[in-house]
Amino acid sequence: MKNPFQLIGKSEAEALEKFRSHFQKLFFGDAEKECVCFSTNSLRYIVDIGHQDIRSEGMSYGMYIAAKLGEENLFESLWQFSKNYLQNSSGNYAPYFAWQVGLPNSKHSDFYKMDPGAAPDGEEYFAAALLLAAKKFQKPAYKKEACELLQAMAHKIPAGNVRAMFDESRAAVRFSPMTGNDFTDPSYHTLFFYRLFAEETGDKFWEAVYAESIHFLKHAMHPETGLAADYTEFNGEPKATNFNPMSHYFSGDSWRVVLNLALDFSSEISKPAENICQNAKDFEQKICRKYLQFFRSQKTVFADYQIDGTPAPNARELTTGLMAMNAAATCALDINNSDDAELARYFLQKLWETPTPTGTWRYYDGMLLLLAYCLLTSKF
């Protein structure tokens, strides 16, 4: 469907205006209440306001959003900052990006790597954003940089305790390339990106990753609720960890799983084989429908659940980020089906009425809001 928002009576122009309004506030709005994007020495960077740090996740999301909106100067500025301050240029961690960078403070006169270790979702979004920008802005250098990063992500020769981001025997993304992190995060399985990587690099490995990720998600997502845990074993079983008490629940990370499904469902890239893609689309539509039916059935919607749909202990109230992901999931529905159309209409109206997040936790909610609009307006 070219314009999902027509289901709630909104034109393409109105949808783009809404997208741009959210973007303007989050990237160029009031520094104290709205903005998450700041500048230093003509470079731009995105801050997790609540934690007062910079993350590879946010920087790569920012680049992806900038590429989608055609914001070339912003894209280049974010990319240069990422290379200058996040990327490990030497040592065992090279060429990966530090997942967490600190702001200048009384002990540090400049930005500094709080943890040089990498989180694969950051690299996945960096690579996808570079490939999109290479075409959007007619800059082949971006594709070259993306392909170099993808080579390391898939095939890095182990250096110390740092390996490839993907388990080659399983063709599956790891939680982290550091030794000992032999489990995964369902939201890191960025299906459409693997098809994009396969097309742009010619590396068949990415087709295998795509097929394995579909197989994995069929086990990781609950068959009735569609919920997945933040972290899981490679067989899809929720994984409890001692450093994240929410890791075995549907929580902040796993909100993004349906975005990945809906984005892949909406894509038109031919790789891998057609039968694999069609089987994937059948699964994506079925599980997104189950997922949205679950949320539609809830009298009180929480942000954290056990994957069977029971609210998690100390579950938070519904957040803007989860609301945005739920709206994005409607892109996998069949709007020619009256029940699907009504389901989509409900979540799209909720998104339309949601204001730009402000305050302490505006970073993650805001980034997910913009990623949802990237998908929902991608056809025009």
Protein backbone atom coordinates (compact mmCIF):
# COMPACT_ATOMS: atom_id res chain seq x y z
CA MET A 1 0.00 0.00 0.00
CA LYS A 2 1.51 3.30 -1.07
CA ASN A 3 0.12 5.39 1.77
CA PRO A 4 -1.04 3.46 4.87
CA PHE A 5 -2.22 6.71 6.42
CA GLN A 6 -5.03 6.97 3.88
CA LEU A 7 -6.78 4.42 6.10
CA ILE A 8 -7.24 7.24 8.62
CA GLY A 9 -7.97 9.89 6.02
CA LYS A 10 -4.48 11.42 5.75
CA SER A 11 -2.79 12.34 2.47
CA GLU A 12 0.83 11.66 1.51
CA ALA A 13 1.59 15.35 2.02
CA GLU A 14 0.10 15.30 5.51
CA ALA A 15 2.03 12.16 6.44
CA LEU A 16 5.33 13.63 5.25
CA GLU A 17 4.60 16.85 7.09
CA LYS A 18 3.99 14.88 10.29
CA PHE A 19 7.25 12.93 9.78
CA ARG A 20 9.20 16.14 9.13
CA SER A 21 7.71 17.82 12.18
CA HIS A 22 8.86 15.00 14.48
CA PHE A 23 12.27 15.01 12.80
CA GLN A 24 12.70 18.77 13.10
CA LYS A 25 11.97 18.75 16.83
CA LEU A 26 14.20 15.77 17.62
CA PHE A 27 17.14 16.91 15.52
CA PHE A 28 16.91 20.70 15.66
CA GLY A 29 14.43 21.53 18.42
CA ASP A 30 14.79 22.96 21.92
CA ALA A 31 18.04 21.64 23.40
CA GLU A 32 16.64 21.17 26.89
CA LYS A 33 13.30 19.53 26.13
CA GLU A 34 13.16 18.24 22.55
CA CYS A 35 16.47 17.78 20.78
CA VAL A 36 18.63 14.63 20.85
CA CYS A 37 21.07 15.77 18.15
CA PHE A 38 23.85 18.23 18.98
CA SER A 39 26.96 19.64 17.31
CA THR A 40 30.69 19.95 17.96
CA ASN A 41 33.25 21.36 15.57
CA SER A 42 30.70 21.24 12.73
CA LEU A 43 29.96 17.54 13.39
CA ARG A 44 26.65 16.22 14.68
CA TYR A 45 26.04 13.51 17.29
CA ILE A 46 23.02 11.94 18.96
CA VAL A 47 22.74 11.66 22.74
CA ASP A 48 20.83 9.15 24.83
CA ILE A 49 19.50 11.88 27.10
CA GLY A 50 18.46 9.58 29.93
CA HIS A 51 21.87 7.94 30.19
CA GLN A 52 23.93 10.92 29.04
CA ASP A 53 26.02 9.01 26.52
CA ILE A 54 26.31 8.39 22.78
CA ARG A 55 25.52 4.98 21.32
CA SER A 56 26.30 3.28 18.03
CA GLU A 57 22.60 2.42 17.90
CA GLY A 58 21.55 6.09 17.93
CA MET A 59 24.26 7.30 15.56
CA SER A 60 23.42 4.62 12.99
CA TYR A 61 19.68 5.24 13.36
CA GLY A 62 20.33 8.92 12.79
CA MET A 63 22.25 8.20 9.60
CA TYR A 64 19.52 5.87 8.34
CA ILE A 65 16.84 8.49 9.00
CA ALA A 66 18.98 11.20 7.36
CA ALA A 67 19.45 9.03 4.26
CA LYS A 68 15.73 8.33 4.03
CA LEU A 69 14.91 12.05 4.27
CA GLY A 70 17.65 13.09 1.83
CA GLU A 71 19.51 15.10 4.49
CA GLU A 72 22.97 14.77 2.94
CA ASN A 73 24.86 17.23 5.14
CA LEU A 74 23.41 15.75 8.31
CA PHE A 75 24.26 12.24 7.13
CA GLU A 76 27.88 13.13 6.39
CA SER A 77 28.26 14.96 9.69
CA LEU A 78 26.93 12.02 11.72
CA TRP A 79 29.13 9.60 9.78
CA GLN A 80 32.29 11.63 10.29
CA PHE A 81 31.58 11.90 14.02
CA SER A 82 31.04 8.13 14.17
CA LYS A 83 34.35 7.45 12.44
CA ASN A 84 36.21 9.97 14.58
CA TYR A 85 34.86 9.00 17.99
CA LEU A 86 33.11 5.62 17.86
CA GLN A 87 35.09 3.51 15.40
CA ASN A 88 38.02 1.46 16.64
CA SER A 89 40.73 2.25 14.09
CA SER A 90 43.27 -0.25 15.45
CA GLY A 91 43.58 -3.15 17.87
CA ASN A 92 41.40 -6.21 18.34
CA TYR A 93 38.13 -4.28 18.12
CA ALA A 94 38.87 -2.73 14.70
CA PRO A 95 36.94 -1.92 12.56
CA TYR A 96 33.93 -2.16 14.84
CA PHE A 97 32.26 0.81 16.53
CA ALA A 98 32.20 1.29 20.29
CA TRP A 99 28.61 0.83 21.40
CA GLN A 100 28.94 3.46 24.14
CA VAL A 101 30.85 6.76 24.07
CA GLY A 102 31.01 9.30 26.88
CA LEU A 103 30.43 13.04 26.71
CA PRO A 104 33.19 15.48 27.68
CA ASN A 105 33.24 16.05 31.44
CA SER A 106 35.52 17.08 34.30
CA LYS A 107 37.69 14.00 33.76
CA HIS A 108 37.61 13.90 29.96
CA SER A 109 38.16 16.95 27.78
CA ASP A 110 36.79 15.19 24.68
CA PHE A 111 34.44 12.36 23.72
CA TYR A 112 35.81 9.01 24.89
CA LYS A 113 35.01 5.31 24.51
CA MET A 114 33.28 4.14 27.67
CA ASP A 115 33.21 0.62 26.24
CA PRO A 116 35.05 -0.14 22.97
CA GLY A 117 33.00 -3.31 22.51
CA ALA A 118 30.45 -3.43 19.72
CA ALA A 119 26.71 -4.09 19.49
CA PRO A 120 25.84 -5.67 16.12
CA ASP A 121 22.63 -3.70 15.56
CA GLY A 122 24.71 -0.54 15.33
CA GLU A 123 26.92 -2.02 12.63
CA GLU A 124 23.91 -3.37 10.74
CA TYR A 125 22.31 0.08 10.63
CA PHE A 126 25.61 1.78 9.76
CA ALA A 127 26.06 -0.55 6.78
CA ALA A 128 22.45 -0.23 5.61
CA ALA A 129 22.52 3.55 5.95
CA LEU A 130 25.75 3.78 3.94
CA LEU A 131 24.32 1.63 1.16
CA LEU A 132 21.15 3.70 1.00
CA ALA A 133 23.13 6.95 1.05
CA ALA A 134 25.47 5.76 -1.70
CA LYS A 135 22.48 5.63 -4.05
CA LYS A 136 20.55 8.58 -2.64
CA PHE A 137 23.50 10.97 -2.76
CA GLN A 138 25.40 9.37 -5.66
CA LYS A 139 28.51 8.73 -3.53
CA PRO A 140 30.15 5.36 -4.31
CA ALA A 141 32.59 5.86 -1.42
CA TYR A 142 29.78 5.14 1.00
CA LYS A 143 29.19 1.74 -0.61
CA LYS A 144 32.89 0.93 -0.39
CA GLU A 145 32.91 1.76 3.32
CA ALA A 146 29.77 -0.33 3.86
CA CYS A 147 31.24 -3.34 2.09
CA GLU A 148 34.44 -3.14 4.11
CA LEU A 149 32.43 -3.09 7.32
CA LEU A 150 30.21 -5.96 6.17
CA GLN A 151 33.26 -8.07 5.37
CA ALA A 152 34.47 -7.70 8.95
CA MET A 153 31.02 -8.26 10.42
CA ALA A 154 30.66 -11.56 8.57
CA HIS A 155 34.21 -12.85 8.25
CA LYS A 156 36.52 -11.10 10.71
CA ILE A 157 39.52 -13.23 11.65
CA PRO A 158 39.42 -13.55 15.46
CA ALA A 159 41.67 -11.06 17.25
CA GLY A 160 42.08 -11.61 20.96
CA ASN A 161 38.56 -12.05 22.33
CA VAL A 162 36.86 -10.34 19.35
CA ARG A 163 35.31 -12.37 16.55
CA ALA A 164 32.96 -11.90 13.63
CA MET A 165 29.53 -10.57 14.58
CA PHE A 166 27.89 -13.61 13.01
CA ASP A 167 28.34 -17.21 14.03
CA GLU A 168 29.39 -18.65 10.67
CA SER A 169 28.36 -22.21 11.51
CA ARG A 170 24.83 -21.03 12.34
CA ALA A 171 24.75 -18.03 9.96
CA ALA A 172 23.24 -16.11 12.85
CA VAL A 173 23.99 -12.77 14.47
CA ARG A 174 25.54 -12.90 17.93
CA PHE A 175 24.58 -10.67 20.83
CA SER A 176 28.14 -9.39 20.71
CA PRO A 177 31.34 -10.33 18.85
CA MET A 178 33.19 -10.68 22.17
CA THR A 179 34.00 -14.21 23.32
CA GLY A 180 31.39 -15.63 25.69
CA ASN A 181 28.38 -13.92 24.14
CA ASP A 182 27.09 -17.02 22.38
CA PHE A 183 23.44 -16.06 22.36
CA THR A 184 21.43 -13.59 20.29
CA ASP A 185 18.99 -10.69 20.35
CA PRO A 186 15.86 -11.19 18.19
CA SER A 187 15.79 -7.48 17.28
CA TYR A 188 19.27 -7.79 15.75
CA HIS A 189 17.86 -10.04 13.01
CA THR A 190 17.37 -7.20 10.51
CA LEU A 191 15.86 -9.23 7.69
CA PHE A 192 15.59 -6.63 4.96
CA PHE A 193 19.13 -5.48 5.59
CA TYR A 194 20.45 -9.01 4.95
CA ARG A 195 18.75 -9.02 1.58
CA LEU A 196 20.21 -5.59 0.87
CA PHE A 197 23.68 -6.78 1.92
CA ALA A 198 23.37 -9.85 -0.33
CA GLU A 199 22.41 -7.74 -3.31
CA GLU A 200 25.10 -5.09 -2.82
CA THR A 201 28.04 -7.36 -1.92
CA GLY A 202 27.29 -10.53 -3.89
CA ASP A 203 28.24 -12.50 -0.77
CA LYS A 204 25.98 -15.57 -0.51
CA PHE A 205 26.59 -15.63 3.23
CA TRP A 206 23.95 -12.93 3.69
CA GLU A 207 21.35 -15.06 1.94
CA ALA A 208 22.10 -17.85 4.41
CA VAL A 209 21.79 -15.37 7.29
CA TYR A 210 18.40 -14.26 5.99
CA ALA A 211 17.08 -17.80 5.76
CA GLU A 212 18.41 -18.70 9.21
CA SER A 213 16.91 -15.56 10.75
CA ILE A 214 13.45 -16.43 9.43
CA HIS A 215 13.84 -19.94 10.86
CA PHE A 216 15.02 -18.50 14.18
CA LEU A 217 12.20 -15.96 14.52
CA LYS A 218 9.59 -18.67 13.94
CA HIS A 219 10.86 -20.20 17.19
CA ALA A 220 11.63 -16.98 19.09
CA MET A 221 8.21 -15.35 18.61
CA HIS A 222 5.37 -16.77 20.67
CA PRO A 223 2.84 -18.43 18.32
CA GLU A 224 -0.19 -16.77 19.95
CA THR A 225 1.04 -13.34 21.07
CA GLY A 226 3.86 -12.75 18.56
CA LEU A 227 6.08 -11.52 21.41
CA ALA A 228 9.79 -12.29 21.60
CA ALA A 229 12.23 -11.77 24.45
CA ASP A 230 14.98 -9.15 24.43
CA TYR A 231 17.70 -11.84 24.45
CA THR A 232 17.40 -15.50 23.50
CA GLU A 233 19.41 -18.62 22.91
CA PHE A 234 19.97 -19.45 19.25
CA ASN A 235 16.99 -21.82 19.46
CA GLY A 236 14.70 -18.92 20.41
CA GLU A 237 14.38 -19.68 24.13
CA PRO A 238 14.33 -16.51 26.29
CA LYS A 239 17.66 -15.94 28.03
CA ALA A 240 18.05 -14.48 31.50
CA THR A 241 21.30 -12.62 32.14
CA ASN A 242 22.91 -11.22 35.27
CA PHE A 243 23.48 -7.80 33.71
CA ASN A 244 19.96 -7.17 32.37
CA PRO A 245 17.03 -8.18 34.58
CA MET A 246 14.62 -7.69 31.65
CA SER A 247 16.56 -9.78 29.14
CA HIS A 248 14.14 -12.74 29.16
CA TYR A 249 11.07 -10.52 28.75
CA PHE A 250 9.52 -8.67 25.84
CA SER A 251 10.96 -5.23 26.57
CA GLY A 252 12.88 -2.33 25.00
CA ASP A 253 15.01 -4.28 22.52
CA SER A 254 12.31 -6.67 21.35
CA TRP A 255 9.83 -3.92 20.57
CA ARG A 256 11.84 -3.57 17.33
CA VAL A 257 11.33 -7.13 16.07
CA VAL A 258 8.06 -6.33 14.28
CA LEU A 259 9.68 -3.33 12.59
CA ASN A 260 12.20 -5.72 11.04
CA LEU A 261 9.43 -8.06 9.92
CA ALA A 262 7.26 -5.33 8.43
CA LEU A 263 10.19 -3.67 6.68
CA ASP A 264 11.15 -6.97 5.08
CA PHE A 265 7.55 -7.72 4.13
CA SER A 266 7.34 -4.35 2.37
CA SER A 267 10.62 -4.71 0.46
CA GLU A 268 11.04 -5.63 -3.17
CA ILE A 269 14.63 -6.90 -3.32
CA SER A 270 14.79 -10.23 -5.17
CA LYS A 271 17.47 -11.97 -3.09
CA PRO A 272 17.46 -14.65 -1.81
CA ALA A 273 15.44 -17.19 -3.83
CA GLU A 274 11.80 -16.29 -4.46
CA ASN A 275 10.38 -19.30 -2.60
CA ILE A 276 12.35 -18.38 0.54
CA CYS A 277 11.11 -14.80 0.38
CA GLN A 278 7.49 -15.84 -0.17
CA ASN A 279 7.60 -18.25 2.76
CA ALA A 280 9.06 -15.43 4.83
CA LYS A 281 6.29 -13.03 3.82
CA ASP A 282 3.62 -15.57 4.75
CA PHE A 283 5.16 -15.93 8.21
CA GLU A 284 5.68 -12.18 8.62
CA GLN A 285 2.07 -11.37 7.84
CA LYS A 286 0.68 -14.11 10.07
CA ILE A 287 2.84 -13.31 13.11
CA CYS A 288 2.40 -9.51 12.82
CA ARG A 289 -1.36 -10.05 12.71
CA LYS A 290 -1.18 -12.20 15.87
CA TYR A 291 1.03 -9.59 17.53
CA LEU A 292 -1.31 -6.70 16.76
CA GLN A 293 -4.37 -8.69 17.76
CA PHE A 294 -2.71 -9.32 21.11
CA PHE A 295 -2.11 -5.62 21.74
CA ARG A 296 -5.56 -4.68 20.48
CA SER A 297 -7.09 -7.10 23.00
CA GLN A 298 -5.36 -5.54 26.02
CA LYS A 299 -7.50 -3.32 28.25
CA THR A 300 -4.32 -1.87 29.74
CA VAL A 301 -1.25 -1.91 27.53
CA PHE A 302 2.14 -2.31 29.16
CA ALA A 303 5.62 -1.92 27.72
CA ASP A 304 7.01 -5.14 29.23
CA TYR A 305 5.59 -8.67 29.06
CA GLN A 306 6.46 -12.29 29.42
CA ILE A 307 6.28 -13.68 25.90
CA ASP A 308 3.02 -15.51 26.70
CA GLY A 309 1.39 -12.11 27.23
CA THR A 310 1.50 -11.93 31.01
CA PRO A 311 2.70 -8.49 32.15
CA ALA A 312 6.30 -8.60 33.37
CA PRO A 313 7.06 -7.78 37.03
CA ASN A 314 7.09 -4.00 37.48
CA ALA A 315 5.97 -3.55 33.88
CA ARG A 316 6.08 0.01 32.60
CA GLU A 317 3.22 1.85 30.97
CA LEU A 318 2.95 1.93 27.18
CA THR A 319 5.70 4.08 25.65
CA THR A 320 5.91 6.11 22.46
CA GLY A 321 8.58 3.73 21.13
CA LEU A 322 6.41 0.64 21.47
CA MET A 323 3.40 2.48 20.07
CA ALA A 324 5.49 3.44 17.03
CA MET A 325 6.68 -0.13 16.46
CA ASN A 326 3.11 -1.40 16.68
CA ALA A 327 2.05 1.09 14.00
CA ALA A 328 4.98 0.03 11.82
CA ALA A 329 3.85 -3.59 12.08
CA THR A 330 0.65 -2.69 10.20
CA CYS A 331 2.72 -2.59 6.99
CA ALA A 332 2.65 -6.40 7.04
CA LEU A 333 -1.16 -6.63 7.09
CA ASP A 334 -3.48 -7.21 4.14
CA ILE A 335 -5.54 -4.03 4.05
CA ASN A 336 -7.88 -5.59 1.48
CA ASN A 337 -9.04 -7.79 4.36
CA SER A 338 -11.59 -5.81 6.37
CA ASP A 339 -10.38 -7.15 9.73
CA ASP A 340 -6.77 -6.29 8.90
CA ALA A 341 -7.77 -2.86 7.67
CA GLU A 342 -9.61 -2.13 10.92
CA LEU A 343 -6.63 -3.38 12.94
CA ALA A 344 -4.27 -1.17 10.96
CA ARG A 345 -6.56 1.82 11.29
CA TYR A 346 -6.55 1.52 15.08
CA PHE A 347 -2.76 1.54 15.43
CA LEU A 348 -2.16 4.18 12.77
CA GLN A 349 -4.61 6.53 14.48
CA LYS A 350 -2.81 5.98 17.79
CA LEU A 351 0.49 6.86 16.14
CA TRP A 352 -0.95 9.93 14.43
CA GLU A 353 -2.19 11.29 17.75
CA THR A 354 1.16 10.70 19.49
CA PRO A 355 3.18 13.89 20.09
CA THR A 356 6.94 14.12 19.65
CA PRO A 357 8.46 12.74 22.86
CA THR A 358 10.11 15.21 25.20
CA GLY A 359 12.04 15.00 28.44
CA THR A 360 14.48 12.50 29.87
CA TRP A 361 13.61 9.43 27.79
CA ARG A 362 12.96 11.12 24.46
CA TYR A 363 16.00 9.58 22.73
CA TYR A 364 14.87 5.96 22.28
CA ASP A 365 11.18 6.77 21.95
CA GLY A 366 12.04 9.47 19.42
CA MET A 367 14.33 7.31 17.30
CA LEU A 368 11.77 4.51 17.12
CA LEU A 369 9.08 7.03 16.22
CA LEU A 370 11.15 8.27 13.29
CA LEU A 371 12.04 4.74 12.16
CA ALA A 372 8.33 3.90 12.08
CA TYR A 373 7.66 6.92 9.86
CA CYS A 374 10.59 5.91 7.63
CA LEU A 375 8.75 2.68 6.88
CA LEU A 376 5.21 4.05 6.78
CA THR A 377 6.16 6.76 4.26
CA SER A 378 8.69 4.69 2.29
CA LYS A 379 6.46 4.26 -0.77
CA PHE A 380 6.29 7.99 -1.54
